[in-house]
Amino acid sequence: MSTDHDDASSSDVDIRVRALESSLVAAGYVEAEALDRLVEAHETTIGPHIGARAVARAWSDPGYRRALLADAASAVAPFTHTGRVGDQLIVVENTEAVHNLVVCTLCSCYPWDVLGLPPVWYKSPAYRSRAVREPRAVLAELGVELGPETTVRVWDSTAEVRYLVLPMRPAGTDGWSEERLAQIVGRDAMIGTALPTVS
C-alpha cells in the first residue's frame, strides 16, 4: 500500500487540472474567480497547515496540549480564518505505549477543515478494511515500524466524529520555533500513517 497521491507526476496533474478548469469556465459551469476563491480557501482557511500548527503548539505549550485534548474544535479554532472547525473533532495522542491510527470504514469521513483534502488511499476499500483488521501490517507497509510493546489503537471516523492524531514530537527538536515544528508535521502523521521526521 502506497501513500502516493497519484500515479501521475505533478506536472501531469497540473496539466489535467488546468484543462478541466478551462473547460468548466468555457462551458459556463463555474467562474474563474470562484475557483480562485476555492484555491485560496484551501491555502489559507482549511488544510493540513491548520492541523500542523495545532500540533506544533501542543508540542511547545503543555497548557495548549491539554486544551487540544480536552476540546479540539475550540483549541484549533484560532488557527482558522473562519473561527471554528468541525464541532466533533477529537484529538488522540501518540505515546511510547500507544500509536493511534485513523480510518473511516463506512466511507471517507475526514476532518477536511484541519487536514485539507483526504489522500486517495484513505478512501480506498483496501485501507478502510485492512486498517481495522491488520493495522500493524498496514503501518509497516507505510513505513511505520512499531515494537511489540506499542499498542495500535484504531479510531473509526464517522459523519459525527472526526479524529486527528497528535504525533509524538521527534527527538532533536528542542528549542525549535512553532513555525519550524509545524513544517515537519505532515498530514499523514496526523492520520497516524506516518511519523514526523527531522531531516
Protein backbone atom coordinates (compact mmCIF):
# COMPACT_ATOMS: atom_id res chain seq x y z
CA MET A 1 0.00 0.00 0.00
CA SER A 2 1.43 3.35 -1.01
CA THR A 3 0.56 6.83 0.23
CA ASP A 4 1.43 8.39 -3.11
CA HIS A 5 -1.33 10.82 -4.03
CA ASP A 6 -1.44 9.90 -7.70
CA ASP A 7 0.34 7.62 -10.08
CA ALA A 8 0.80 10.59 -12.41
CA SER A 9 3.53 13.13 -11.88
CA SER A 10 2.69 16.56 -10.51
CA SER A 11 3.18 18.13 -13.92
CA ASP A 12 0.62 15.74 -15.45
CA VAL A 13 -1.81 16.54 -12.65
CA ASP A 14 -1.27 20.27 -13.12
CA ILE A 15 -1.95 19.97 -16.85
CA ARG A 16 -5.15 17.98 -16.27
CA VAL A 17 -6.36 20.41 -13.61
CA ARG A 18 -5.78 23.42 -15.84
CA ALA A 19 -7.55 21.70 -18.76
CA LEU A 20 -10.54 20.81 -16.59
CA GLU A 21 -10.68 24.33 -15.16
CA SER A 22 -10.60 25.85 -18.66
CA SER A 23 -13.35 23.52 -19.86
CA LEU A 24 -15.61 24.28 -16.89
CA VAL A 25 -15.10 28.04 -17.23
CA ALA A 26 -15.60 27.97 -21.01
CA ALA A 27 -18.82 25.96 -20.62
CA GLY A 28 -20.11 28.45 -18.06
CA TYR A 29 -20.36 25.93 -15.23
CA VAL A 30 -18.07 27.90 -12.93
CA GLU A 31 -16.45 31.31 -12.84
CA ALA A 32 -12.67 31.60 -12.71
CA GLU A 33 -12.97 33.91 -9.69
CA ALA A 34 -14.94 31.25 -7.80
CA LEU A 35 -12.20 28.71 -8.44
CA ASP A 36 -9.60 31.23 -7.28
CA ARG A 37 -11.53 31.72 -4.03
CA LEU A 38 -11.74 27.97 -3.54
CA VAL A 39 -7.99 27.57 -4.02
CA GLU A 40 -7.32 30.47 -1.67
CA ALA A 41 -9.57 28.87 0.97
CA HIS A 42 -7.58 25.63 0.78
CA GLU A 43 -4.32 27.55 1.06
CA THR A 44 -5.33 29.83 3.95
CA THR A 45 -8.53 28.75 5.71
CA ILE A 46 -8.54 24.97 5.59
CA GLY A 47 -5.86 22.37 5.04
CA PRO A 48 -3.11 20.39 6.73
CA HIS A 49 -1.24 23.54 7.74
CA ILE A 50 -4.04 24.19 10.27
CA GLY A 51 -3.58 20.81 11.93
CA ALA A 52 0.21 21.12 11.76
CA ARG A 53 0.13 24.45 13.58
CA ALA A 54 -2.06 22.94 16.31
CA VAL A 55 0.33 20.00 16.71
CA ALA A 56 3.35 22.32 16.85
CA ARG A 57 1.68 24.46 19.51
CA ALA A 58 0.79 21.33 21.54
CA TRP A 59 4.42 20.21 21.39
CA SER A 60 5.58 23.62 22.61
CA ASP A 61 2.89 24.54 25.14
CA PRO A 62 1.68 21.97 27.72
CA GLY A 63 -1.38 24.11 28.54
CA TYR A 64 -2.41 24.20 24.90
CA ARG A 65 -1.81 20.44 24.62
CA ARG A 66 -4.25 19.84 27.48
CA ALA A 67 -6.80 22.17 25.86
CA LEU A 68 -6.40 20.42 22.49
CA LEU A 69 -7.00 17.00 24.01
CA ALA A 70 -9.98 18.28 26.03
CA ASP A 71 -11.77 20.29 23.32
CA ALA A 72 -10.06 20.08 19.95
CA ALA A 73 -12.57 22.16 18.00
CA SER A 74 -12.17 25.13 20.33
CA ALA A 75 -8.39 24.76 20.58
CA VAL A 76 -7.88 24.64 16.80
CA ALA A 77 -10.31 27.48 16.02
CA PRO A 78 -7.75 30.32 16.48
CA PHE A 79 -5.68 28.87 13.63
CA THR A 80 -8.52 29.18 11.12
CA HIS A 81 -9.86 32.26 9.38
CA THR A 82 -13.42 31.10 9.94
CA GLY A 83 -13.02 30.93 13.72
CA ARG A 84 -14.43 27.42 14.02
CA VAL A 85 -13.78 23.90 12.87
CA GLY A 86 -15.92 20.79 12.97
CA ASP A 87 -17.71 20.60 16.28
CA GLN A 88 -16.87 16.94 16.82
CA LEU A 89 -13.12 16.95 16.26
CA ILE A 90 -11.32 14.70 18.72
CA VAL A 91 -7.52 14.62 19.09
CA VAL A 92 -5.87 11.38 20.20
CA GLU A 93 -2.27 11.41 21.37
CA ASN A 94 0.50 9.05 20.37
CA THR A 95 2.81 7.94 23.17
CA GLU A 96 5.58 5.39 23.57
CA ALA A 97 2.89 2.90 24.66
CA VAL A 98 0.10 3.72 22.15
CA HIS A 99 0.09 4.56 18.44
CA ASN A 100 -3.20 5.85 17.03
CA LEU A 101 -4.45 5.24 13.51
CA VAL A 102 -7.50 6.89 11.92
CA VAL A 103 -9.76 5.28 9.34
CA CYS A 104 -13.34 5.62 8.16
CA THR A 105 -14.68 2.14 7.49
CA LEU A 106 -18.04 3.24 6.07
CA CYS A 107 -16.95 5.87 3.56
CA SER A 108 -14.25 8.52 3.93
CA CYS A 109 -15.23 10.81 6.83
CA TYR A 110 -12.27 13.04 7.45
CA PRO A 111 -11.51 16.40 9.15
CA TRP A 112 -11.21 18.46 5.95
CA ASP A 113 -11.06 21.77 7.80
CA VAL A 114 -7.83 20.85 9.61
CA LEU A 115 -6.24 18.34 7.21
CA GLY A 116 -7.39 19.53 3.79
CA LEU A 117 -8.19 17.04 1.06
CA PRO A 118 -8.04 13.39 2.08
CA PRO A 119 -5.39 11.25 0.41
CA VAL A 120 -6.67 8.94 -2.32
CA TRP A 121 -5.59 5.84 -0.40
CA TYR A 122 -7.61 6.91 2.67
CA LYS A 123 -10.80 6.35 0.66
CA SER A 124 -9.71 3.02 -0.81
CA PRO A 125 -11.53 -0.17 0.24
CA ALA A 126 -8.16 -1.83 0.96
CA TYR A 127 -7.14 0.78 3.53
CA ARG A 128 -10.63 1.03 5.05
CA SER A 129 -10.85 -2.71 5.68
CA ARG A 130 -7.25 -3.61 6.43
CA ALA A 131 -6.60 -0.71 8.83
CA VAL A 132 -9.10 -2.29 11.20
CA ARG A 133 -8.23 -5.95 10.67
CA GLU A 134 -4.44 -5.69 10.48
CA PRO A 135 -3.36 -2.17 11.44
CA ARG A 136 0.19 -3.14 12.34
CA ALA A 137 0.73 -4.71 8.90
CA VAL A 138 -0.72 -1.64 7.14
CA LEU A 139 1.52 0.66 9.17
CA ALA A 140 4.57 -1.47 8.36
CA GLU A 141 3.76 -1.26 4.64
CA LEU A 142 3.59 2.51 5.01
CA GLY A 143 6.99 2.61 6.70
CA VAL A 144 5.87 2.86 10.34
CA GLU A 145 7.57 0.05 12.24
CA LEU A 146 6.35 -0.28 15.82
CA GLY A 147 7.74 -2.52 18.52
CA PRO A 148 5.57 -5.23 20.06
CA GLU A 149 5.33 -3.16 23.26
CA THR A 150 3.38 -0.44 21.41
CA THR A 151 -0.37 -0.91 21.22
CA VAL A 152 -2.03 0.19 17.99
CA ARG A 153 -5.40 1.84 18.57
CA VAL A 154 -7.69 2.33 15.56
CA TRP A 155 -10.23 5.17 15.53
CA ASP A 156 -13.17 4.94 13.13
CA SER A 157 -14.31 8.36 11.93
CA THR A 158 -17.99 8.98 11.28
CA ALA A 159 -20.11 11.80 9.96
CA GLU A 160 -20.49 12.98 13.57
CA VAL A 161 -16.97 12.46 14.93
CA ARG A 162 -13.64 13.12 13.21
CA TYR A 163 -10.20 12.31 14.62
CA LEU A 164 -6.77 13.89 14.42
CA VAL A 165 -3.64 12.22 15.75
CA LEU A 166 -1.25 14.24 17.91
CA PRO A 167 2.04 12.54 16.98
CA MET A 168 5.00 12.35 19.32
CA ARG A 169 7.49 15.17 18.99
CA PRO A 170 10.67 13.92 17.32
CA ALA A 171 13.93 13.95 19.23
CA GLY A 172 16.33 16.70 18.30
CA THR A 173 13.71 19.45 18.04
CA ASP A 174 14.25 21.13 21.40
CA GLY A 175 14.37 24.89 21.06
CA TRP A 176 12.63 24.89 17.68
CA SER A 177 10.03 27.57 16.99
CA GLU A 178 6.41 26.60 16.43
CA GLU A 179 6.77 27.60 12.78
CA ARG A 180 9.70 25.26 12.30
CA LEU A 181 7.97 22.44 14.16
CA ALA A 182 4.85 22.82 12.01
CA GLN A 183 6.97 22.24 8.91
CA ILE A 184 7.77 18.67 9.96
CA VAL A 185 4.17 17.72 10.75
CA GLY A 186 2.79 16.09 7.62
CA ARG A 187 -0.84 15.29 7.01
CA ASP A 188 -0.19 11.54 7.18
CA ALA A 189 1.32 11.87 10.67
CA MET A 190 -1.98 13.44 11.78
CA ILE A 191 -3.83 10.38 10.41
CA GLY A 192 -1.35 8.06 12.11
CA THR A 193 0.12 6.53 8.94
CA ALA A 194 3.47 8.30 9.21
CA LEU A 195 5.79 9.76 11.81
CA PRO A 196 7.16 13.31 11.85
CA THR A 197 10.83 13.16 10.98
CA VAL A 198 13.71 15.57 11.24
CA SER A 199 15.73 15.58 8.03
